[in-house]
Amino acid sequence: MKQVYAPGCVLLIYKPQLARKVLEFLNQNLGDIPEHLICCRHEPHLENGTQVINTCAGCDNRYRELYDGISTLSLWEILAESETFPFPDYKGMEMSIHDACPTRTEERVHSAIRKLLERMNIKIAEPKHTRTHAICCGDSFYGSLPIEKVKEQMKKRSDEMPCDNVVVYCVSCIKSMYIGGKKPRYMIDLLFGEDTEIGAFEPDEWHNELQEFIDEH
């Protein structure tokens, strides 16, 4: 089975250097894994039977649902079973976790994320609505509700988090948790010992930046 690594538009916008680090790790540990840079919203032009290793919840969903003969495997599942990845130690720090909408049905992803947090010595404080019952961070309402109503949904979801530090594995969720008053901790940042950067967070500004990148890829 052929495998490719799709870092996803949002990670390439957010921190392309971390996308390179992930690719280097995959090549060192799984063999020659080519990088796939066509956005998942466009025809991928991949061979039938290809498995897409991804870091984006939206990519995981779209490759799996929209394109025949393509399967997905999240980076989280690979790292959760890794014997070589140098996990940092967060010394029992307590964090909440917000599960991304596109993976709501994917318990394999939920379980892998939590195993990774345990391997990094992070104590998990689950919100009331979590895993397959998780509620959207609010970003998916963009385009269907006025901006202030979108922000109200972001605040509503953020308020459900027991801790100020909230683990997310979607870059758009970074923006939502920040708008909602929490401190988002992006999973790839945690894995590589980096601080999570907020960047453009106003919904119009962020979605315009994202759309421009999607159109180019």
N, C-alpha and C. Protein backbone atom coordinates (compact mmCIF):
# COMPACT_ATOMS: atom_id res chain seq x y z
N MET A 1 0.83 -1.20 0.00
CA MET A 1 0.00 0.00 0.00
C MET A 1 0.88 1.26 0.00
N LYS A 2 0.59 2.15 -0.92
CA LYS A 2 1.35 3.39 -1.00
C LYS A 2 0.84 4.38 0.05
N GLN A 3 1.76 5.05 0.72
CA GLN A 3 1.41 6.08 1.69
C GLN A 3 2.00 7.42 1.26
N VAL A 4 1.24 8.50 1.53
CA VAL A 4 1.73 9.86 1.32
C VAL A 4 1.43 10.66 2.59
N TYR A 5 2.18 11.71 2.78
CA TYR A 5 1.94 12.58 3.93
C TYR A 5 1.35 13.91 3.45
N ALA A 6 0.16 14.22 3.93
CA ALA A 6 -0.50 15.49 3.61
C ALA A 6 -0.50 16.37 4.85
N PRO A 7 0.39 17.36 4.93
CA PRO A 7 0.42 18.23 6.11
C PRO A 7 -0.84 19.07 6.25
N GLY A 8 -1.50 19.37 5.10
CA GLY A 8 -2.72 20.17 5.15
C GLY A 8 -2.44 21.66 5.06
N CYS A 9 -3.37 22.37 4.47
CA CYS A 9 -3.21 23.82 4.26
C CYS A 9 -2.96 24.56 5.56
N VAL A 10 -3.71 24.22 6.60
CA VAL A 10 -3.63 25.01 7.83
C VAL A 10 -2.27 24.89 8.51
N LEU A 11 -1.67 23.69 8.51
CA LEU A 11 -0.35 23.54 9.12
C LEU A 11 0.71 24.26 8.28
N LEU A 12 0.57 24.23 6.95
CA LEU A 12 1.52 24.91 6.09
C LEU A 12 1.43 26.43 6.25
N ILE A 13 0.24 26.92 6.56
CA ILE A 13 0.09 28.34 6.87
C ILE A 13 0.66 28.62 8.25
N TYR A 14 0.33 27.76 9.20
CA TYR A 14 0.65 28.00 10.61
C TYR A 14 2.14 27.90 10.91
N LYS A 15 2.71 26.72 10.69
CA LYS A 15 4.14 26.51 10.95
C LYS A 15 4.69 25.49 9.95
N PRO A 16 5.07 25.95 8.76
CA PRO A 16 5.59 25.00 7.77
C PRO A 16 6.82 24.24 8.24
N GLN A 17 7.57 24.84 9.17
CA GLN A 17 8.76 24.14 9.67
C GLN A 17 8.39 22.89 10.46
N LEU A 18 7.23 22.90 11.12
CA LEU A 18 6.79 21.70 11.84
C LEU A 18 6.30 20.64 10.86
N ALA A 19 5.70 21.06 9.76
CA ALA A 19 5.32 20.10 8.72
C ALA A 19 6.56 19.38 8.20
N ARG A 20 7.68 20.11 8.05
CA ARG A 20 8.93 19.49 7.60
C ARG A 20 9.46 18.52 8.64
N LYS A 21 9.37 18.89 9.92
CA LYS A 21 9.84 17.99 10.97
C LYS A 21 9.04 16.69 10.99
N VAL A 22 7.74 16.80 10.79
CA VAL A 22 6.90 15.60 10.74
C VAL A 22 7.31 14.72 9.57
N LEU A 23 7.51 15.32 8.41
CA LEU A 23 7.91 14.55 7.23
C LEU A 23 9.25 13.86 7.46
N GLU A 24 10.19 14.56 8.08
CA GLU A 24 11.50 13.97 8.38
C GLU A 24 11.35 12.77 9.30
N PHE A 25 10.50 12.89 10.32
CA PHE A 25 10.30 11.77 11.24
C PHE A 25 9.69 10.57 10.50
N LEU A 26 8.69 10.83 9.67
CA LEU A 26 8.04 9.74 8.94
C LEU A 26 9.04 9.04 8.02
N ASN A 27 9.87 9.81 7.34
CA ASN A 27 10.84 9.20 6.43
C ASN A 27 11.91 8.41 7.17
N GLN A 28 12.27 8.86 8.35
CA GLN A 28 13.27 8.16 9.14
C GLN A 28 12.72 6.86 9.73
N ASN A 29 11.42 6.82 9.96
CA ASN A 29 10.84 5.69 10.68
C ASN A 29 9.93 4.79 9.87
N LEU A 30 9.39 5.30 8.76
CA LEU A 30 8.46 4.49 7.96
C LEU A 30 8.95 4.26 6.54
N GLY A 31 10.12 4.79 6.21
CA GLY A 31 10.61 4.67 4.84
C GLY A 31 10.31 5.93 4.05
N ASP A 32 10.38 5.82 2.74
CA ASP A 32 10.22 6.98 1.87
C ASP A 32 8.73 7.34 1.74
N ILE A 33 8.31 8.38 2.44
CA ILE A 33 6.92 8.84 2.39
C ILE A 33 6.90 10.17 1.65
N PRO A 34 6.36 10.22 0.43
CA PRO A 34 6.33 11.49 -0.30
C PRO A 34 5.32 12.46 0.33
N GLU A 35 5.58 13.75 0.13
CA GLU A 35 4.68 14.79 0.62
C GLU A 35 3.62 15.08 -0.43
N HIS A 36 2.37 15.21 0.02
CA HIS A 36 1.25 15.49 -0.89
C HIS A 36 0.71 16.87 -0.55
N LEU A 37 0.83 17.82 -1.49
CA LEU A 37 0.54 19.22 -1.19
C LEU A 37 -0.72 19.74 -1.89
N ILE A 38 -1.44 18.88 -2.60
CA ILE A 38 -2.71 19.32 -3.18
C ILE A 38 -3.75 19.38 -2.07
N CYS A 39 -4.44 20.51 -1.96
CA CYS A 39 -5.46 20.65 -0.92
C CYS A 39 -6.53 19.58 -1.06
N CYS A 40 -7.03 19.10 0.06
CA CYS A 40 -8.03 18.02 0.06
C CYS A 40 -9.36 18.44 -0.56
N ARG A 41 -9.53 19.73 -0.79
CA ARG A 41 -10.76 20.20 -1.44
C ARG A 41 -10.67 20.10 -2.96
N HIS A 42 -9.50 19.72 -3.47
CA HIS A 42 -9.30 19.53 -4.91
C HIS A 42 -9.05 18.05 -5.20
N GLU A 43 -9.31 17.65 -6.42
CA GLU A 43 -9.04 16.27 -6.83
C GLU A 43 -7.59 15.91 -6.49
N PRO A 44 -7.36 14.87 -5.68
CA PRO A 44 -6.00 14.59 -5.19
C PRO A 44 -5.07 13.95 -6.21
N HIS A 45 -5.62 13.31 -7.25
CA HIS A 45 -4.79 12.63 -8.25
C HIS A 45 -3.84 11.62 -7.60
N LEU A 46 -4.42 10.82 -6.71
CA LEU A 46 -3.65 9.77 -6.04
C LEU A 46 -4.06 8.40 -6.58
N GLU A 47 -3.12 7.47 -6.56
CA GLU A 47 -3.39 6.12 -7.02
C GLU A 47 -4.46 5.46 -6.15
N ASN A 48 -5.27 4.62 -6.75
CA ASN A 48 -6.24 3.84 -5.99
C ASN A 48 -5.51 2.99 -4.96
N GLY A 49 -5.98 3.00 -3.73
CA GLY A 49 -5.35 2.24 -2.67
C GLY A 49 -4.37 3.04 -1.83
N THR A 50 -4.18 4.32 -2.16
CA THR A 50 -3.25 5.16 -1.40
C THR A 50 -3.81 5.48 -0.02
N GLN A 51 -2.94 5.46 0.97
CA GLN A 51 -3.31 5.88 2.32
C GLN A 51 -2.67 7.24 2.61
N VAL A 52 -3.50 8.19 3.04
CA VAL A 52 -3.03 9.54 3.31
C VAL A 52 -2.79 9.71 4.81
N ILE A 53 -1.54 9.92 5.18
CA ILE A 53 -1.20 10.27 6.57
C ILE A 53 -1.43 11.76 6.73
N ASN A 54 -2.21 12.14 7.72
CA ASN A 54 -2.62 13.54 7.83
C ASN A 54 -2.46 14.07 9.25
N THR A 55 -2.41 15.40 9.34
CA THR A 55 -2.38 16.08 10.63
C THR A 55 -3.61 16.96 10.83
N CYS A 56 -4.45 17.05 9.82
CA CYS A 56 -5.62 17.94 9.84
C CYS A 56 -6.88 17.10 9.90
N ALA A 57 -7.75 17.43 10.85
CA ALA A 57 -8.99 16.67 11.00
C ALA A 57 -9.87 16.80 9.76
N GLY A 58 -9.87 17.98 9.13
CA GLY A 58 -10.66 18.16 7.92
C GLY A 58 -10.14 17.31 6.78
N CYS A 59 -8.81 17.22 6.65
CA CYS A 59 -8.21 16.36 5.62
C CYS A 59 -8.58 14.90 5.86
N ASP A 60 -8.52 14.48 7.10
CA ASP A 60 -8.85 13.09 7.43
C ASP A 60 -10.26 12.78 6.96
N ASN A 61 -11.17 13.69 7.21
CA ASN A 61 -12.56 13.49 6.83
C ASN A 61 -12.76 13.54 5.32
N ARG A 62 -12.20 14.55 4.65
CA ARG A 62 -12.48 14.72 3.23
C ARG A 62 -11.82 13.64 2.38
N TYR A 63 -10.56 13.29 2.65
CA TYR A 63 -9.94 12.21 1.87
C TYR A 63 -10.70 10.90 2.04
N ARG A 64 -11.16 10.69 3.26
CA ARG A 64 -11.86 9.44 3.56
C ARG A 64 -13.23 9.37 2.93
N GLU A 65 -13.93 10.50 2.89
CA GLU A 65 -15.34 10.52 2.47
C GLU A 65 -15.53 10.86 0.99
N LEU A 66 -14.65 11.67 0.41
CA LEU A 66 -14.92 12.22 -0.92
C LEU A 66 -14.25 11.47 -2.07
N TYR A 67 -13.18 10.73 -1.77
CA TYR A 67 -12.39 10.16 -2.86
C TYR A 67 -12.32 8.64 -2.76
N ASP A 68 -12.83 7.98 -3.81
CA ASP A 68 -12.85 6.52 -3.83
C ASP A 68 -11.43 5.96 -3.84
N GLY A 69 -11.25 4.89 -3.10
CA GLY A 69 -9.98 4.18 -3.12
C GLY A 69 -8.90 4.82 -2.27
N ILE A 70 -9.26 5.86 -1.50
CA ILE A 70 -8.30 6.54 -0.64
C ILE A 70 -8.67 6.31 0.82
N SER A 71 -7.70 5.90 1.63
CA SER A 71 -7.93 5.74 3.07
C SER A 71 -7.05 6.72 3.83
N THR A 72 -7.32 6.88 5.11
CA THR A 72 -6.58 7.85 5.91
C THR A 72 -6.03 7.22 7.18
N LEU A 73 -4.95 7.82 7.65
CA LEU A 73 -4.34 7.46 8.92
C LEU A 73 -3.79 8.74 9.51
N SER A 74 -4.22 9.09 10.72
CA SER A 74 -3.74 10.33 11.31
C SER A 74 -2.33 10.15 11.87
N LEU A 75 -1.59 11.23 11.86
CA LEU A 75 -0.26 11.22 12.47
C LEU A 75 -0.36 10.78 13.93
N TRP A 76 -1.45 11.16 14.58
CA TRP A 76 -1.64 10.85 16.01
C TRP A 76 -1.62 9.34 16.24
N GLU A 77 -2.22 8.58 15.34
CA GLU A 77 -2.25 7.12 15.49
C GLU A 77 -0.85 6.53 15.34
N ILE A 78 -0.07 7.10 14.43
CA ILE A 78 1.31 6.62 14.24
C ILE A 78 2.15 6.91 15.47
N LEU A 79 2.09 8.16 15.94
CA LEU A 79 2.94 8.55 17.07
C LEU A 79 2.51 7.87 18.37
N ALA A 80 1.23 7.59 18.51
CA ALA A 80 0.75 6.95 19.74
C ALA A 80 1.39 5.58 19.95
N GLU A 81 1.80 4.94 18.86
CA GLU A 81 2.41 3.62 18.95
C GLU A 81 3.92 3.67 18.74
N SER A 82 4.47 4.88 18.59
CA SER A 82 5.90 5.00 18.26
C SER A 82 6.80 4.65 19.44
N GLU A 83 7.88 3.96 19.13
CA GLU A 83 8.89 3.65 20.14
C GLU A 83 10.12 4.54 19.99
N THR A 84 10.09 5.45 19.02
CA THR A 84 11.27 6.27 18.75
C THR A 84 11.03 7.77 18.90
N PHE A 85 9.77 8.21 18.94
CA PHE A 85 9.53 9.65 19.02
C PHE A 85 9.94 10.18 20.40
N PRO A 86 10.68 11.31 20.44
CA PRO A 86 11.15 11.86 21.73
C PRO A 86 10.08 12.72 22.41
N PHE A 87 9.19 12.08 23.12
CA PHE A 87 8.09 12.81 23.75
C PHE A 87 8.59 13.74 24.86
N PRO A 88 8.16 15.01 24.85
CA PRO A 88 8.50 15.90 25.96
C PRO A 88 7.70 15.54 27.20
N ASP A 89 8.17 15.97 28.36
CA ASP A 89 7.51 15.69 29.63
C ASP A 89 6.92 16.98 30.19
N TYR A 90 5.59 17.02 30.28
CA TYR A 90 4.92 18.21 30.80
C TYR A 90 4.60 18.10 32.30
N LYS A 91 5.17 17.08 32.92
CA LYS A 91 5.22 16.97 34.38
C LYS A 91 3.85 17.06 35.05
N GLY A 92 2.88 16.39 34.45
CA GLY A 92 1.57 16.30 35.07
C GLY A 92 0.69 17.52 34.92
N MET A 93 1.04 18.44 34.03
CA MET A 93 0.22 19.63 33.81
C MET A 93 -1.19 19.21 33.39
N GLU A 94 -2.19 19.87 33.92
CA GLU A 94 -3.57 19.52 33.62
C GLU A 94 -4.08 20.38 32.47
N MET A 95 -4.70 19.73 31.49
CA MET A 95 -5.27 20.43 30.34
C MET A 95 -6.60 19.80 29.97
N SER A 96 -7.50 20.61 29.46
CA SER A 96 -8.73 20.09 28.87
C SER A 96 -8.45 19.73 27.42
N ILE A 97 -9.43 19.12 26.76
CA ILE A 97 -9.25 18.73 25.37
C ILE A 97 -10.54 18.99 24.60
N HIS A 98 -10.38 19.57 23.42
CA HIS A 98 -11.51 19.79 22.52
C HIS A 98 -11.32 18.92 21.29
N ASP A 99 -12.26 18.04 21.02
CA ASP A 99 -12.18 17.16 19.84
C ASP A 99 -12.75 17.86 18.62
N ALA A 100 -12.03 17.76 17.50
CA ALA A 100 -12.41 18.46 16.27
C ALA A 100 -13.62 17.80 15.60
N CYS A 101 -14.51 18.62 15.08
CA CYS A 101 -15.75 18.14 14.46
C CYS A 101 -15.55 17.05 13.39
N PRO A 102 -14.60 17.23 12.46
CA PRO A 102 -14.49 16.24 11.38
C PRO A 102 -14.12 14.84 11.85
N THR A 103 -13.64 14.72 13.08
CA THR A 103 -13.29 13.39 13.59
C THR A 103 -14.31 12.88 14.61
N ARG A 104 -15.49 13.48 14.62
CA ARG A 104 -16.47 13.14 15.66
C ARG A 104 -16.80 11.64 15.69
N THR A 105 -16.80 11.01 14.53
CA THR A 105 -17.12 9.57 14.47
C THR A 105 -15.89 8.69 14.63
N GLU A 106 -14.71 9.29 14.70
CA GLU A 106 -13.46 8.52 14.63
C GLU A 106 -12.85 8.30 16.01
N GLU A 107 -13.31 7.27 16.69
CA GLU A 107 -12.79 6.99 18.03
C GLU A 107 -11.31 6.60 18.00
N ARG A 108 -10.84 6.11 16.86
CA ARG A 108 -9.41 5.80 16.70
C ARG A 108 -8.57 7.06 16.93
N VAL A 109 -9.07 8.20 16.42
CA VAL A 109 -8.36 9.47 16.59
C VAL A 109 -8.45 9.94 18.02
N HIS A 110 -9.65 9.89 18.60
CA HIS A 110 -9.83 10.33 19.99
C HIS A 110 -8.90 9.55 20.92
N SER A 111 -8.84 8.26 20.72
CA SER A 111 -8.02 7.42 21.60
C SER A 111 -6.53 7.72 21.42
N ALA A 112 -6.11 7.93 20.17
CA ALA A 112 -4.70 8.21 19.90
C ALA A 112 -4.28 9.54 20.52
N ILE A 113 -5.13 10.55 20.40
CA ILE A 113 -4.83 11.86 20.99
C ILE A 113 -4.62 11.74 22.49
N ARG A 114 -5.47 11.02 23.15
CA ARG A 114 -5.37 10.88 24.60
C ARG A 114 -4.16 10.05 25.01
N LYS A 115 -3.82 9.06 24.21
CA LYS A 115 -2.63 8.28 24.50
C LYS A 115 -1.38 9.15 24.38
N LEU A 116 -1.37 10.02 23.38
CA LEU A 116 -0.23 10.93 23.21
C LEU A 116 -0.10 11.86 24.41
N LEU A 117 -1.21 12.37 24.90
CA LEU A 117 -1.17 13.26 26.06
C LEU A 117 -0.63 12.52 27.28
N GLU A 118 -1.05 11.29 27.44
CA GLU A 118 -0.53 10.49 28.55
C GLU A 118 0.97 10.26 28.40
N ARG A 119 1.43 10.04 27.18
CA ARG A 119 2.86 9.79 26.95
C ARG A 119 3.69 11.06 27.18
N MET A 120 3.03 12.22 27.11
CA MET A 120 3.71 13.48 27.41
C MET A 120 3.49 13.92 28.85
N ASN A 121 2.91 13.03 29.66
CA ASN A 121 2.67 13.30 31.08
C ASN A 121 1.79 14.53 31.27
N ILE A 122 0.70 14.57 30.51
CA ILE A 122 -0.31 15.62 30.63
C ILE A 122 -1.57 14.99 31.21
N LYS A 123 -2.08 15.59 32.28
CA LYS A 123 -3.30 15.12 32.91
C LYS A 123 -4.50 15.72 32.17
N ILE A 124 -5.45 14.88 31.80
CA ILE A 124 -6.58 15.32 30.96
C ILE A 124 -7.81 15.59 31.81
N ALA A 125 -8.40 16.77 31.64
CA ALA A 125 -9.68 17.11 32.27
C ALA A 125 -10.71 17.23 31.15
N GLU A 126 -11.52 16.21 31.00
CA GLU A 126 -12.48 16.17 29.89
C GLU A 126 -13.64 17.14 30.13
N PRO A 127 -14.11 17.82 29.08
CA PRO A 127 -15.34 18.61 29.19
C PRO A 127 -16.54 17.67 29.19
N LYS A 128 -17.71 18.21 29.43
CA LYS A 128 -18.93 17.39 29.47
C LYS A 128 -19.18 16.75 28.11
N HIS A 129 -19.06 17.50 27.05
CA HIS A 129 -19.29 16.98 25.70
C HIS A 129 -17.93 16.72 25.05
N THR A 130 -17.65 15.44 24.83
CA THR A 130 -16.31 15.08 24.37
C THR A 130 -16.36 13.84 23.49
N ARG A 131 -15.26 13.56 22.83
CA ARG A 131 -15.15 12.42 21.91
C ARG A 131 -16.29 12.44 20.87
N THR A 132 -17.10 11.36 20.79
CA THR A 132 -18.16 11.30 19.78
C THR A 132 -19.32 12.24 20.09
N HIS A 133 -19.31 12.85 21.27
CA HIS A 133 -20.37 13.79 21.64
C HIS A 133 -19.85 15.23 21.71
N ALA A 134 -18.67 15.45 21.15
CA ALA A 134 -18.07 16.78 21.19
C ALA A 134 -18.92 17.78 20.42
N ILE A 135 -18.89 19.02 20.87
CA ILE A 135 -19.62 20.12 20.23
C ILE A 135 -18.63 20.97 19.46
N CYS A 136 -19.05 21.52 18.33
CA CYS A 136 -18.19 22.34 17.48
C CYS A 136 -17.60 23.51 18.26
N CYS A 137 -16.37 23.86 17.91
CA CYS A 137 -15.69 24.99 18.55
C CYS A 137 -16.35 26.32 18.18
N GLY A 138 -17.22 26.30 17.18
CA GLY A 138 -17.91 27.50 16.74
C GLY A 138 -17.51 27.92 15.33
N ASP A 139 -16.34 27.49 14.87
CA ASP A 139 -15.83 27.95 13.58
C ASP A 139 -16.69 27.49 12.40
N SER A 140 -17.33 26.33 12.52
CA SER A 140 -18.12 25.82 11.40
C SER A 140 -19.38 26.66 11.15
N PHE A 141 -19.70 27.56 12.09
CA PHE A 141 -20.84 28.45 11.88
C PHE A 141 -20.46 29.65 11.01
N TYR A 142 -19.18 29.79 10.73
CA TYR A 142 -18.73 30.91 9.90
C TYR A 142 -19.37 30.81 8.51
N GLY A 143 -19.94 31.90 8.06
CA GLY A 143 -20.59 31.93 6.76
C GLY A 143 -22.08 31.71 6.83
N SER A 144 -22.55 31.15 7.94
CA SER A 144 -24.00 30.93 8.10
C SER A 144 -24.61 31.78 9.20
N LEU A 145 -23.76 32.35 10.05
CA LEU A 145 -24.22 33.24 11.12
C LEU A 145 -23.42 34.54 11.05
N PRO A 146 -23.98 35.64 11.55
CA PRO A 146 -23.19 36.87 11.66
C PRO A 146 -21.97 36.64 12.54
N ILE A 147 -20.90 37.40 12.31
CA ILE A 147 -19.64 37.19 13.01
C ILE A 147 -19.81 37.20 14.52
N GLU A 148 -20.57 38.12 15.05
CA GLU A 148 -20.74 38.18 16.50
C GLU A 148 -21.43 36.94 17.04
N LYS A 149 -22.34 36.37 16.26
CA LYS A 149 -23.00 35.12 16.68
C LYS A 149 -22.02 33.95 16.63
N VAL A 150 -21.14 33.97 15.63
CA VAL A 150 -20.09 32.93 15.55
C VAL A 150 -19.22 33.00 16.80
N LYS A 151 -18.84 34.21 17.17
CA LYS A 151 -18.00 34.37 18.36
C LYS A 151 -18.72 33.94 19.63
N GLU A 152 -20.02 34.14 19.66
CA GLU A 152 -20.80 33.67 20.81
C GLU A 152 -20.74 32.15 20.92
N GLN A 153 -20.79 31.46 19.79
CA GLN A 153 -20.68 30.00 19.80
C GLN A 153 -19.29 29.56 20.26
N MET A 154 -18.27 30.31 19.84
CA MET A 154 -16.90 30.00 20.27
C MET A 154 -16.77 30.17 21.78
N LYS A 155 -17.33 31.25 22.30
CA LYS A 155 -17.28 31.49 23.74
C LYS A 155 -18.06 30.41 24.49
N LYS A 156 -19.19 30.02 23.95
CA LYS A 156 -20.02 28.99 24.59
C LYS A 156 -19.25 27.67 24.72
N ARG A 157 -18.59 27.26 23.65
CA ARG A 157 -17.83 26.01 23.69
C ARG A 157 -16.62 26.15 24.61
N SER A 158 -15.93 27.26 24.53
CA SER A 158 -14.75 27.48 25.38
C SER A 158 -15.12 27.42 26.86
N ASP A 159 -16.27 27.96 27.20
CA ASP A 159 -16.71 27.99 28.59
C ASP A 159 -16.95 26.59 29.16
N GLU A 160 -17.10 25.58 28.28
CA GLU A 160 -17.31 24.21 28.75
C GLU A 160 -16.01 23.55 29.19
N MET A 161 -14.88 24.16 28.87
CA MET A 161 -13.59 23.55 29.18
C MET A 161 -13.23 23.75 30.65
N PRO A 162 -12.94 22.68 31.38
CA PRO A 162 -12.61 22.81 32.81
C PRO A 162 -11.30 23.55 33.09
N CYS A 163 -10.36 23.55 32.12
CA CYS A 163 -9.05 24.17 32.34
C CYS A 163 -8.85 25.35 31.38
N ASP A 164 -7.98 26.26 31.77
CA ASP A 164 -7.62 27.36 30.87
C ASP A 164 -6.82 26.85 29.68
N ASN A 165 -5.93 25.88 29.90
CA ASN A 165 -5.16 25.27 28.82
C ASN A 165 -6.02 24.21 28.13
N VAL A 166 -6.21 24.38 26.82
CA VAL A 166 -7.08 23.46 26.08
C VAL A 166 -6.32 22.87 24.89
N VAL A 167 -6.19 21.57 24.87
CA VAL A 167 -5.54 20.87 23.76
C VAL A 167 -6.49 20.83 22.57
N VAL A 168 -5.96 21.23 21.41
CA VAL A 168 -6.72 21.15 20.17
C VAL A 168 -5.85 20.47 19.11
N TYR A 169 -6.48 19.89 18.10
CA TYR A 169 -5.69 19.31 17.01
C TYR A 169 -6.21 19.78 15.66
N CYS A 170 -6.71 21.01 15.66
CA CYS A 170 -7.17 21.70 14.46
C CYS A 170 -6.78 23.16 14.62
N VAL A 171 -6.15 23.75 13.59
CA VAL A 171 -5.69 25.12 13.71
C VAL A 171 -6.84 26.10 13.86
N SER A 172 -7.97 25.85 13.20
CA SER A 172 -9.13 26.73 13.37
C SER A 172 -9.62 26.71 14.82
N CYS A 173 -9.48 25.57 15.47
CA CYS A 173 -9.87 25.48 16.88
C CYS A 173 -8.98 26.34 17.78
N ILE A 174 -7.72 26.56 17.34
CA ILE A 174 -6.85 27.49 18.07
C ILE A 174 -7.51 28.84 18.15
N LYS A 175 -7.99 29.31 16.99
CA LYS A 175 -8.60 30.64 16.92
C LYS A 175 -9.85 30.71 17.80
N SER A 176 -10.66 29.67 17.73
CA SER A 176 -11.92 29.67 18.48
C SER A 176 -11.69 29.68 19.99
N MET A 177 -10.77 28.84 20.45
CA MET A 177 -10.51 28.79 21.88
C MET A 177 -9.91 30.10 22.38
N TYR A 178 -9.09 30.72 21.55
CA TYR A 178 -8.50 32.01 21.92
C TYR A 178 -9.58 33.08 22.01
N ILE A 179 -10.46 33.14 21.02
CA ILE A 179 -11.56 34.10 21.06
C ILE A 179 -12.45 33.85 22.27
N GLY A 180 -12.59 32.58 22.64
CA GLY A 180 -13.42 32.22 23.79
C GLY A 180 -12.76 32.44 25.13
N GLY A 181 -11.51 32.91 25.13
CA GLY A 181 -10.84 33.26 26.38
C GLY A 181 -9.96 32.18 26.98
N LYS A 182 -9.71 31.10 26.23
CA LYS A 182 -8.85 30.02 26.72
C LYS A 182 -7.45 30.12 26.10
N LYS A 183 -6.55 29.29 26.62
CA LYS A 183 -5.19 29.21 26.08
C LYS A 183 -5.08 27.92 25.26
N PRO A 184 -5.20 28.02 23.93
CA PRO A 184 -5.13 26.80 23.12
C PRO A 184 -3.73 26.22 23.09
N ARG A 185 -3.65 24.89 23.12
CA ARG A 185 -2.37 24.18 23.03
C ARG A 185 -2.49 23.19 21.86
N TYR A 186 -1.90 23.57 20.74
CA TYR A 186 -2.00 22.77 19.53
C TYR A 186 -1.14 21.51 19.66
N MET A 187 -1.71 20.39 19.27
CA MET A 187 -1.07 19.10 19.52
C MET A 187 0.34 19.01 18.93
N ILE A 188 0.54 19.50 17.71
CA ILE A 188 1.88 19.40 17.13
C ILE A 188 2.87 20.27 17.90
N ASP A 189 2.42 21.44 18.37
CA ASP A 189 3.28 22.26 19.22
C ASP A 189 3.67 21.51 20.49
N LEU A 190 2.71 20.87 21.12
CA LEU A 190 3.00 20.11 22.33
C LEU A 190 4.03 19.02 22.05
N LEU A 191 3.88 18.32 20.95
CA LEU A 191 4.77 17.22 20.62
C LEU A 191 6.20 17.68 20.39
N PHE A 192 6.35 18.87 19.81
CA PHE A 192 7.68 19.37 19.50
C PHE A 192 8.16 20.43 20.49
N GLY A 193 7.44 20.56 21.61
CA GLY A 193 7.88 21.45 22.68
C GLY A 193 7.83 22.92 22.33
N GLU A 194 6.89 23.31 21.49
CA GLU A 194 6.78 24.71 21.08
C GLU A 194 5.53 25.37 21.65
N ASP A 195 5.58 26.69 21.75
CA ASP A 195 4.40 27.45 22.16
C ASP A 195 3.43 27.54 21.00
N THR A 196 2.15 27.58 21.32
CA THR A 196 1.12 27.74 20.29
C THR A 196 0.94 29.21 19.97
N GLU A 197 1.05 29.54 18.69
CA GLU A 197 0.89 30.91 18.23
C GLU A 197 -0.53 31.12 17.72
N ILE A 198 -1.09 32.28 17.99
CA ILE A 198 -2.48 32.54 17.62
C ILE A 198 -2.59 33.00 16.17
N GLY A 199 -1.71 33.88 15.74
CA GLY A 199 -1.77 34.37 14.36
C GLY A 199 -3.06 35.13 14.10
N ALA A 200 -3.47 35.17 12.83
CA ALA A 200 -4.74 35.81 12.48
C ALA A 200 -5.88 35.03 13.13
N PHE A 201 -6.71 35.70 13.89
CA PHE A 201 -7.77 34.97 14.59
C PHE A 201 -9.17 35.52 14.33
N GLU A 202 -9.27 36.78 13.90
CA GLU A 202 -10.60 37.29 13.56
C GLU A 202 -11.16 36.44 12.43
N PRO A 203 -12.40 35.97 12.54
CA PRO A 203 -12.93 34.99 11.57
C PRO A 203 -12.78 35.39 10.11
N ASP A 204 -13.10 36.63 9.76
CA ASP A 204 -12.96 37.04 8.36
C ASP A 204 -11.51 36.99 7.90
N GLU A 205 -10.60 37.51 8.72
CA GLU A 205 -9.19 37.54 8.36
C GLU A 205 -8.64 36.13 8.20
N TRP A 206 -8.95 35.24 9.16
CA TRP A 206 -8.45 33.87 9.11
C TRP A 206 -9.00 33.11 7.91
N HIS A 207 -10.29 33.21 7.66
CA HIS A 207 -10.88 32.46 6.56
C HIS A 207 -10.44 32.99 5.20
N ASN A 208 -10.18 34.28 5.10
CA ASN A 208 -9.65 34.82 3.85
C ASN A 208 -8.24 34.30 3.60
N GLU A 209 -7.42 34.25 4.65
CA GLU A 209 -6.07 33.71 4.52
C GLU A 209 -6.10 32.24 4.11
N LEU A 210 -6.99 31.50 4.73
CA LEU A 210 -7.12 30.08 4.43
C LEU A 210 -7.60 29.85 3.00
N GLN A 211 -8.60 30.61 2.57
CA GLN A 211 -9.14 30.43 1.23
C GLN A 211 -8.11 30.75 0.15
N GLU A 212 -7.32 31.77 0.36
CA GLU A 212 -6.27 32.11 -0.59
C GLU A 212 -5.28 30.95 -0.75
N PHE A 213 -4.93 30.34 0.38
CA PHE A 213 -3.98 29.22 0.33
C PHE A 213 -4.60 28.02 -0.35
N ILE A 214 -5.88 27.75 -0.06
CA ILE A 214 -6.57 26.62 -0.69
C ILE A 214 -6.62 26.80 -2.20
N ASP A 215 -6.94 28.02 -2.64
CA ASP A 215 -7.04 28.28 -4.09
C ASP A 215 -5.71 28.08 -4.79
N GLU A 216 -4.61 28.34 -4.08
CA GLU A 216 -3.27 28.21 -4.68
C GLU A 216 -2.80 26.76 -4.71
N HIS A 217 -3.42 25.89 -3.91
CA HIS A 217 -2.95 24.51 -3.80
C HIS A 217 -4.04 23.52 -4.26
